[in-house]
Protein backbone atom coordinates (compact mmCIF):
# COMPACT_ATOMS: atom_id res chain seq x y z
CA MET A 1 -7.94 -9.82 23.10
CA ARG A 2 -8.21 -6.11 23.96
CA ARG A 3 -4.42 -5.98 24.10
CA VAL A 4 -4.23 -7.43 20.57
CA VAL A 5 -6.78 -4.95 19.20
CA SER A 6 -4.82 -2.08 20.74
CA LEU A 7 -1.57 -3.29 19.21
CA LEU A 8 -3.14 -3.74 15.77
CA TRP A 9 -4.70 -0.27 16.01
CA LEU A 10 -1.28 1.15 16.92
CA GLY A 11 0.25 -0.53 13.87
CA LEU A 12 -2.45 0.80 11.55
CA THR A 13 -2.02 4.31 12.96
CA ALA A 14 1.73 4.18 12.36
CA PHE A 15 1.09 2.97 8.81
CA ALA A 16 -1.37 5.81 8.14
CA LEU A 17 1.06 8.43 9.45
CA CYS A 18 3.73 7.12 7.09
CA VAL A 19 1.63 7.35 3.93
CA VAL A 20 -0.37 10.52 4.54
CA PRO A 21 0.48 12.84 1.71
CA ARG A 22 1.61 16.39 2.13
CA VAL A 23 -1.23 18.89 1.66
CA ALA A 24 -0.50 22.22 0.00
CA ARG A 25 -1.66 25.18 2.07
CA ALA A 26 -2.92 28.59 1.10
CA GLU A 27 -0.61 31.58 1.09
CA ALA A 28 0.00 32.79 4.63
CA PRO A 29 -1.55 36.15 5.58
CA GLY A 30 0.92 39.00 5.39
CA SER A 31 1.61 42.35 3.79
CA LYS A 32 1.07 40.84 0.32
CA ALA A 33 -1.72 38.39 1.12
CA VAL A 34 -5.26 39.51 1.92
CA PRO A 35 -7.16 37.04 4.15
CA ILE A 36 -10.68 36.17 3.03
CA TYR A 37 -13.33 33.67 4.09
CA VAL A 38 -15.38 31.64 1.61
CA LEU A 39 -18.55 30.67 3.47
CA SER A 40 -20.63 27.69 2.37
CA ILE A 41 -23.08 28.54 -0.41
CA TRP A 42 -26.63 28.80 0.96
CA THR A 43 -29.26 26.63 -0.78
CA ASN A 44 -32.56 24.90 -0.10
CA ASP A 45 -32.69 22.38 -2.92
CA VAL A 46 -29.27 21.67 -4.52
CA ASP A 47 -26.96 20.79 -1.63
CA ASP A 48 -24.40 18.75 -3.63
CA GLN A 49 -23.98 21.46 -6.25
CA ALA A 50 -23.64 24.19 -3.61
CA ASP A 51 -21.03 22.22 -1.69
CA ALA A 52 -19.04 21.54 -4.88
CA LEU A 53 -19.02 25.24 -5.84
CA THR A 54 -17.95 26.19 -2.31
CA GLN A 55 -14.96 23.84 -2.53
CA ALA A 56 -14.08 25.10 -6.02
CA LEU A 57 -14.15 28.72 -4.83
CA ARG A 58 -11.89 27.90 -1.89
CA ALA A 59 -9.48 26.09 -4.20
CA ARG A 60 -9.43 29.17 -6.45
CA VAL A 61 -8.56 31.42 -3.49
CA ARG A 62 -5.69 29.09 -2.54
CA GLN A 63 -4.23 29.47 -6.03
CA ALA A 64 -4.80 33.21 -6.40
CA ALA A 65 -1.77 35.42 -5.79
CA GLY A 66 -2.29 38.09 -3.16
CA TRP A 67 -5.09 36.22 -1.36
CA SER A 68 -5.04 33.93 1.65
CA LEU A 69 -7.91 31.58 2.48
CA ALA A 70 -9.15 31.96 6.07
CA GLU A 71 -10.63 28.74 7.42
CA SER A 72 -14.00 28.51 9.21
CA SER A 73 -16.20 25.52 10.01
CA GLN A 74 -19.32 27.73 10.14
CA SER A 75 -21.60 28.16 7.14
CA PHE A 76 -23.28 31.38 6.09
CA GLU A 77 -26.69 29.86 6.85
CA THR A 78 -25.65 28.89 10.39
CA LEU A 79 -24.22 32.34 11.09
CA ALA A 80 -27.29 34.10 9.66
CA ILE A 81 -29.66 32.05 11.81
CA ALA A 82 -27.53 32.41 14.95
CA LEU A 83 -27.34 36.20 14.50
CA ARG A 84 -31.09 36.42 13.78
CA CYS A 85 -30.71 37.83 10.30
CA PRO A 86 -33.83 38.42 8.16
CA PRO A 87 -34.58 36.00 5.27
CA THR A 88 -32.85 38.45 2.94
CA PRO A 89 -29.66 39.46 4.82
CA ASN A 90 -29.37 43.23 5.17
CA PRO A 91 -26.15 45.30 5.57
CA ALA A 92 -26.43 45.26 9.37
CA CYS A 93 -26.68 41.46 9.38
CA LEU A 94 -23.72 41.09 7.02
CA GLU A 95 -21.64 43.34 9.27
CA ARG A 96 -22.55 41.28 12.33
CA ILE A 97 -21.33 38.18 10.49
CA GLY A 98 -18.05 39.97 9.74
CA ASP A 99 -17.73 40.88 13.43
CA GLN A 100 -18.42 37.27 14.41
CA LEU A 101 -15.66 36.05 12.07
CA HIS A 102 -13.31 38.92 13.06
CA THR A 103 -12.70 39.69 9.40
CA ASP A 104 -13.02 42.62 7.02
CA ARG A 105 -14.13 40.57 4.03
CA TYR A 106 -15.79 37.31 3.13
CA ILE A 107 -17.48 35.68 0.15
CA TRP A 108 -21.00 34.34 0.53
CA GLY A 109 -23.73 33.32 -1.86
CA THR A 110 -26.91 31.47 -2.65
CA MET A 111 -27.81 28.80 -5.18
CA ALA A 112 -31.15 27.62 -6.56
CA ARG A 113 -32.61 25.50 -9.35
CA ASP A 114 -34.27 28.10 -11.58
CA LYS A 115 -34.88 25.80 -14.55
CA PRO A 116 -34.97 22.01 -14.93
CA GLY A 117 -31.40 20.78 -15.31
CA GLU A 118 -29.79 24.14 -14.43
CA VAL A 119 -28.63 25.88 -11.27
CA THR A 120 -27.88 29.55 -10.74
CA ALA A 121 -25.29 30.74 -8.25
CA ASP A 122 -25.31 34.30 -6.94
CA VAL A 123 -22.02 35.10 -5.20
CA ARG A 124 -21.22 38.28 -3.27
CA LEU A 125 -18.14 39.81 -1.69
CA TRP A 126 -18.76 41.64 1.58
CA ALA A 127 -16.02 44.11 2.52
CA ARG A 128 -16.21 46.30 5.59
CA GLY A 129 -17.15 49.87 4.73
CA LYS A 130 -17.74 49.08 1.04
CA LEU A 131 -20.69 48.17 -1.15
CA ASP A 132 -21.23 44.48 -1.87
CA VAL A 133 -19.97 43.21 -5.22
CA GLU A 134 -22.19 40.61 -6.89
CA ALA A 135 -21.68 38.05 -9.64
CA SER A 136 -23.92 35.34 -11.07
CA GLU A 137 -23.36 32.16 -13.09
CA THR A 138 -25.80 29.56 -14.49
CA TYR A 139 -24.59 26.07 -15.39
CA ALA A 140 -25.70 22.43 -15.66
CA GLU A 141 -27.15 20.84 -12.52
CA SER A 142 -25.23 17.62 -13.25
CA ILE A 143 -21.90 19.25 -12.33
CA LYS A 144 -21.22 18.14 -8.75
CA ASP A 145 -17.47 17.45 -8.73
CA PRO A 146 -15.31 20.26 -7.24
CA GLY A 147 -12.49 19.25 -9.59
CA ASP A 148 -14.64 19.43 -12.72
CA GLU A 149 -12.98 21.65 -15.30
CA THR A 150 -16.24 23.47 -16.07
CA LEU A 151 -16.93 24.14 -12.38
CA ARG A 152 -13.38 25.38 -11.88
CA GLY A 153 -13.98 27.83 -14.70
CA VAL A 154 -17.25 28.97 -13.08
CA ALA A 155 -15.49 29.47 -9.74
CA GLY A 156 -12.66 31.37 -11.45
CA ARG A 157 -15.03 33.75 -13.20
CA LEU A 158 -17.09 34.37 -10.06
CA PHE A 159 -14.00 35.04 -7.98
CA ALA A 160 -12.53 37.36 -10.62
CA LYS A 161 -15.78 39.34 -10.86
CA VAL A 162 -16.31 39.90 -7.14
CA THR A 163 -12.66 40.68 -6.41
CA GLY A 164 -12.00 42.80 -9.48
CA GLY A 165 -9.53 40.23 -10.75
CA GLY A 166 -9.71 41.40 -14.33
CA GLY A 167 -6.01 42.15 -14.08
CA ALA A 168 -5.12 38.52 -13.47
CA GLY A 169 -4.18 35.72 -15.82
CA THR A 170 -3.82 31.95 -15.71
CA VAL A 171 -0.57 29.99 -15.87
CA VAL A 172 -0.77 26.28 -16.76
CA VAL A 173 2.31 24.44 -15.49
CA HIS A 174 3.39 21.23 -17.26
CA ALA A 175 6.06 19.14 -15.51
CA GLY A 176 6.05 15.46 -16.36
CA SER A 177 3.15 13.22 -15.37
CA GLY A 178 3.60 12.76 -11.62
CA GLY A 179 3.23 14.83 -8.48
CA GLY A 180 5.23 17.66 -7.02
CA SER A 181 5.03 21.12 -5.49
CA VAL A 182 4.62 24.49 -7.18
CA ALA A 183 5.72 27.83 -5.72
CA VAL A 184 5.29 31.35 -7.08
CA ASP A 185 7.71 34.09 -6.05
CA GLY A 186 8.90 31.87 -3.19
CA VAL A 187 5.40 31.11 -1.82
CA ASP A 188 3.86 27.61 -2.00
CA LYS A 189 0.83 27.81 -4.29
CA GLY A 190 -0.25 24.19 -4.74
CA SER A 191 0.77 20.86 -6.20
CA LEU A 192 1.02 19.01 -9.49
CA ASP A 193 -1.86 16.72 -10.42
CA GLY A 194 -0.71 14.35 -13.14
CA GLY A 195 2.14 16.74 -13.91
CA VAL A 196 -0.21 19.72 -14.38
CA ALA A 197 -1.08 22.70 -12.18
CA LYS A 198 -3.25 25.74 -12.95
CA LEU A 199 -2.48 29.02 -11.20
CA ASP A 200 -4.30 32.35 -11.19
CA LEU A 201 -1.65 35.08 -10.96
CA ALA A 202 -1.71 38.83 -11.02
CA ALA A 203 -0.54 40.48 -14.23
CA GLY A 204 3.19 40.97 -14.38
CA THR A 205 6.38 38.94 -14.13
CA HIS A 206 6.57 36.01 -11.71
CA THR A 207 9.08 33.31 -10.84
CA VAL A 208 7.53 29.83 -10.82
CA THR A 209 9.43 27.03 -9.05
CA VAL A 210 8.55 23.37 -9.55
CA LYS A 211 9.92 20.43 -7.61
CA ALA A 212 8.68 17.15 -9.07
CA GLY A 213 9.04 14.03 -6.93
CA GLY A 214 12.53 13.73 -5.49
CA GLY A 215 14.15 15.87 -8.18
CA GLN A 216 15.77 19.26 -7.84
CA ALA A 217 13.72 22.46 -7.88
CA VAL A 218 13.56 24.12 -11.30
CA GLU A 219 12.71 27.80 -11.82
CA ARG A 220 11.08 29.55 -14.77
CA THR A 221 10.11 33.18 -15.28
CA VAL A 222 6.73 33.94 -16.80
CA ASN A 223 5.03 37.16 -17.89
CA VAL A 224 1.31 37.08 -17.11
CA LYS A 225 -1.07 39.23 -19.14
CA PRO A 226 -4.56 40.26 -17.92
CA GLY A 227 -7.23 37.75 -18.88
CA ALA A 228 -4.76 35.56 -20.80
CA GLU A 229 -3.70 31.95 -20.27
CA VAL A 230 -0.08 30.98 -20.75
CA SER A 231 1.47 27.50 -20.76
CA LEU A 232 4.74 27.04 -18.87
CA ASP A 233 6.75 23.89 -19.69
CA PHE A 234 9.58 22.67 -17.48
CA LEU A 235 12.59 20.79 -18.86
CA ALA A 236 13.75 17.53 -17.32
CA ALA A 237 16.14 17.76 -14.37
CA GLY A 238 19.64 18.08 -15.74
CA GLY A 239 18.68 20.41 -18.58
CA GLY A 240 17.84 18.31 -21.63
CA GLU A 241 16.43 20.03 -24.73
CA SER A 242 13.01 18.48 -24.38
CA GLU A 243 9.71 20.32 -24.65
CA THR A 244 8.45 19.14 -21.26
CA ALA A 245 9.89 17.34 -18.28
CA GLY A 246 7.61 14.34 -18.68
CA GLU A 247 9.37 11.98 -21.04
CA SER A 248 13.08 12.28 -20.29
CA GLY A 249 12.79 13.15 -16.59
CA GLU A 250 10.01 10.92 -15.45
CA SER A 251 12.20 8.23 -13.93
CA LYS A 252 14.36 10.71 -12.03
CA GLY A 253 11.68 13.19 -11.02
CA GLY A 254 8.86 10.68 -10.43
CA PHE A 255 7.43 9.92 -7.03
CA PRO A 256 9.64 7.33 -5.22
CA LEU A 257 6.77 4.91 -4.61
CA ARG A 258 9.01 1.88 -4.09
CA LYS A 259 11.00 3.54 -1.31
CA VAL A 260 7.88 4.93 0.37
CA LEU A 261 6.29 1.48 0.41
CA GLY A 262 9.55 -0.06 1.59
CA TYR A 263 10.05 2.27 4.54
CA THR A 264 6.36 2.00 5.41
CA ALA A 265 6.61 -1.80 5.49
CA ILE A 266 9.72 -1.58 7.68
CA VAL A 267 7.97 0.70 10.18
CA ALA A 268 4.84 -1.47 10.23
CA GLY A 269 6.97 -4.60 10.62
CA ALA A 270 8.89 -3.04 13.50
CA GLY A 271 5.59 -2.19 15.18
CA LEU A 272 4.35 -5.76 14.87
CA ILE A 273 7.65 -7.15 16.14
CA ALA A 274 7.41 -4.79 19.13
CA GLY A 275 3.88 -6.13 19.72
CA ALA A 276 5.25 -9.67 19.58
CA ALA A 277 7.84 -8.72 22.20
CA VAL A 278 5.08 -7.42 24.48
CA GLU A 279 3.20 -10.68 24.03
CA GLY A 280 6.40 -12.56 24.82
CA VAL A 281 6.70 -10.76 28.16
CA ALA A 282 3.05 -11.57 28.88
CA TRP A 283 3.71 -15.23 28.04
CA VAL A 284 6.62 -15.38 30.50
CA ASN A 285 4.42 -13.94 33.25
CA ASP A 286 1.49 -16.30 32.54
CA LYS A 287 3.79 -19.33 32.31
CA SER A 288 5.49 -18.46 35.60
CA ALA A 289 2.13 -17.99 37.34
CA SER A 290 0.88 -21.31 35.95
CA ASP A 291 3.99 -23.13 37.20
CA ASP A 292 3.57 -21.60 40.68
CA ASP A 293 -0.06 -22.77 40.86
CA ARG A 294 0.96 -26.22 39.60
CA LYS A 295 3.21 -26.61 42.65
CA ASN A 296 0.12 -26.37 44.89
CA VAL A 297 -1.66 -29.18 43.03
CA PRO A 298 -1.32 -32.70 44.49
CA SER A 299 1.20 -34.80 42.64
CA ASN A 300 -1.40 -37.45 41.80
CA VAL A 301 -3.22 -34.92 39.55
CA THR A 302 -1.66 -35.40 36.14
CA ASP A 303 -4.04 -33.18 34.14
CA VAL A 304 -4.85 -29.94 35.93
CA CYS A 305 -7.50 -29.07 33.34
CA ALA A 306 -9.37 -32.32 34.07
CA ASP A 307 -9.67 -31.54 37.80
CA GLY A 308 -12.52 -29.06 38.23
CA VAL A 309 -12.52 -29.22 42.05
CA ASN A 310 -9.06 -28.18 43.22
CA THR A 311 -8.76 -24.38 43.08
CA ALA A 312 -5.02 -24.42 42.42
CA ALA A 313 -5.54 -26.88 39.55
CA VAL A 314 -8.22 -24.67 37.97
CA ASP A 315 -5.95 -21.60 38.25
CA ALA A 316 -3.02 -23.48 36.80
CA CYS A 317 -5.18 -24.66 33.89
CA ASN A 318 -6.52 -21.18 33.11
CA LYS A 319 -3.11 -19.54 33.25
CA SER A 320 -1.62 -22.27 31.08
CA LYS A 321 -4.32 -21.61 28.46
CA ASP A 322 -3.63 -17.87 28.69
CA ALA A 323 0.07 -18.52 28.14
CA THR A 324 -0.71 -20.66 25.09
CA SER A 325 -2.98 -18.00 23.60
CA VAL A 326 -0.44 -15.24 24.22
CA ALA A 327 2.32 -17.34 22.66
CA THR A 328 0.18 -17.96 19.56
CA ILE A 329 -0.58 -14.28 19.16
CA GLY A 330 3.07 -13.41 19.69
CA TRP A 331 4.19 -15.83 16.97
CA ILE A 332 1.58 -14.42 14.56
CA LEU A 333 2.60 -10.81 15.23
CA GLY A 334 6.28 -11.65 15.09
CA GLY A 335 5.96 -13.64 11.88
CA ALA A 336 3.94 -10.90 10.19
CA GLY A 337 6.42 -8.30 11.43
CA VAL A 338 9.39 -10.21 10.04
CA VAL A 339 7.67 -10.64 6.67
CA LEU A 340 6.85 -6.93 6.46
CA ALA A 341 10.34 -5.87 7.56
CA VAL A 342 12.02 -8.23 5.08
CA THR A 343 9.74 -7.01 2.30
CA GLY A 344 10.50 -3.41 3.19
CA LEU A 345 14.25 -4.02 3.18
CA TRP A 346 13.98 -5.75 -0.17
CA LEU A 347 12.06 -2.82 -1.63
CA VAL A 348 14.49 -0.22 -0.26
CA LEU A 349 17.78 -2.02 -0.91
CA GLY A 350 16.64 -3.24 -4.32
CA ASP A 351 15.55 0.22 -5.56
CA HIS A 352 18.20 1.16 -8.14
CA GLY A 353 15.87 2.66 -10.72
CA SER A 354 16.20 6.30 -9.62
CA ASP A 355 19.73 6.21 -8.22
CA GLU A 356 22.76 7.53 -10.02
CA ALA A 357 25.40 5.16 -11.32
CA PRO A 358 27.39 3.63 -8.45
CA ALA A 359 30.92 4.78 -7.80
CA ALA A 360 33.83 2.68 -9.01
CA SER A 361 34.66 1.63 -5.45
CA THR A 362 31.31 -0.12 -5.07
CA ALA A 363 30.94 -1.51 -8.59
CA GLY A 364 30.20 -5.22 -8.68
CA ARG A 365 28.93 -5.38 -5.10
CA ARG A 366 25.45 -6.60 -4.28
CA TRP A 367 23.51 -6.73 -1.05
CA ASP A 368 21.22 -9.72 -0.51
CA VAL A 369 18.60 -10.12 2.21
CA VAL A 370 18.44 -13.75 3.42
CA PRO A 371 15.58 -14.46 5.85
CA SER A 372 15.61 -17.68 7.87
CA VAL A 373 12.57 -18.81 9.86
CA GLY A 374 12.41 -22.11 11.74
CA PRO A 375 10.49 -23.83 14.53
CA GLY A 376 12.85 -22.55 17.17
CA ALA A 377 13.73 -19.06 15.98
CA GLY A 378 13.89 -16.68 13.09
CA ARG A 379 16.67 -14.46 11.84
CA LEU A 380 17.50 -12.05 9.08
CA ASP A 381 20.94 -12.09 7.39
CA LEU A 382 22.47 -9.44 5.16
CA ARG A 383 24.99 -10.81 2.63
CA LEU A 384 27.40 -8.71 0.59
CA ALA A 385 28.49 -10.36 -2.63
CA PHE A 386 31.50 -9.16 -4.66
């Protein structure tokens, strides 16, 4: 049984690795990117709201040009306690925290419920050798979702105030209705969510590149003005005269869900078939051991499982049962593997929705998957029809 659990766990792990989506990362530190930590907001009474604002601030840093989010699992509260800071952190304490993080700047803050139904966040930027910059925002206590549009606006204003981002603007990218990646000036800045992405960019001219689904990358140039928001629409792949890429390019630029599911099913099916093969080897070994023990049982014993006295008969009975169990498990794994593999092949080979028109040399041809499963064996045939 432990062998079966291990095999099933292996199959689930392979499945998870196949479907894990790609996560957009923050801009890498360099000559144009300033690394900065965003420490967890410190609070005593509104934990959910503080955690949501922390995540929204980190998301804002990931989108902001010229900044790179430095990752840390430590919260400001934990660091302050560990470094024996006073209840109200003083400059010496803040500098010790910077030394502990090996950084020249970090954002920290506090949050409290000042009035019923409202929370107030006080956010500060600590920079080595400079005075702290503070900003404050009050908003509804019911806002607990990091992706909430209102909270994203709060995080954007706080970040702009403490970093002096008054010279930045917002670019709203529209590219269909699916997923995809967005890059600014050659640097990955995030991903499309329902065909939309919001970017905070420094004032000036930037090149925005969008790659939606499996389509080709499309570039647009945008001029960002301080404090302004500009909408940037991308045409469908191939250059149609549409306002956005959503309607005419959705089928070509959309996420290839059918193929992803197909290949995932093939991999999972192959894993189960491999598990069935392992069980088959175990069955051969158990069957051989049972036959060897049966040779040591007197010939007048017709049912080894009915004789509870003879040691060889008991061993032969147990090993025969083990062989039967292993064979059953092998057939289950193998059958499930064949079904998954056949389903995956059908999904992959039958996906013609996003492909270009076939060449003349292959016109009229069709591949068919013909599975055949019987009591003695199973097989999978591929048939090409003209």
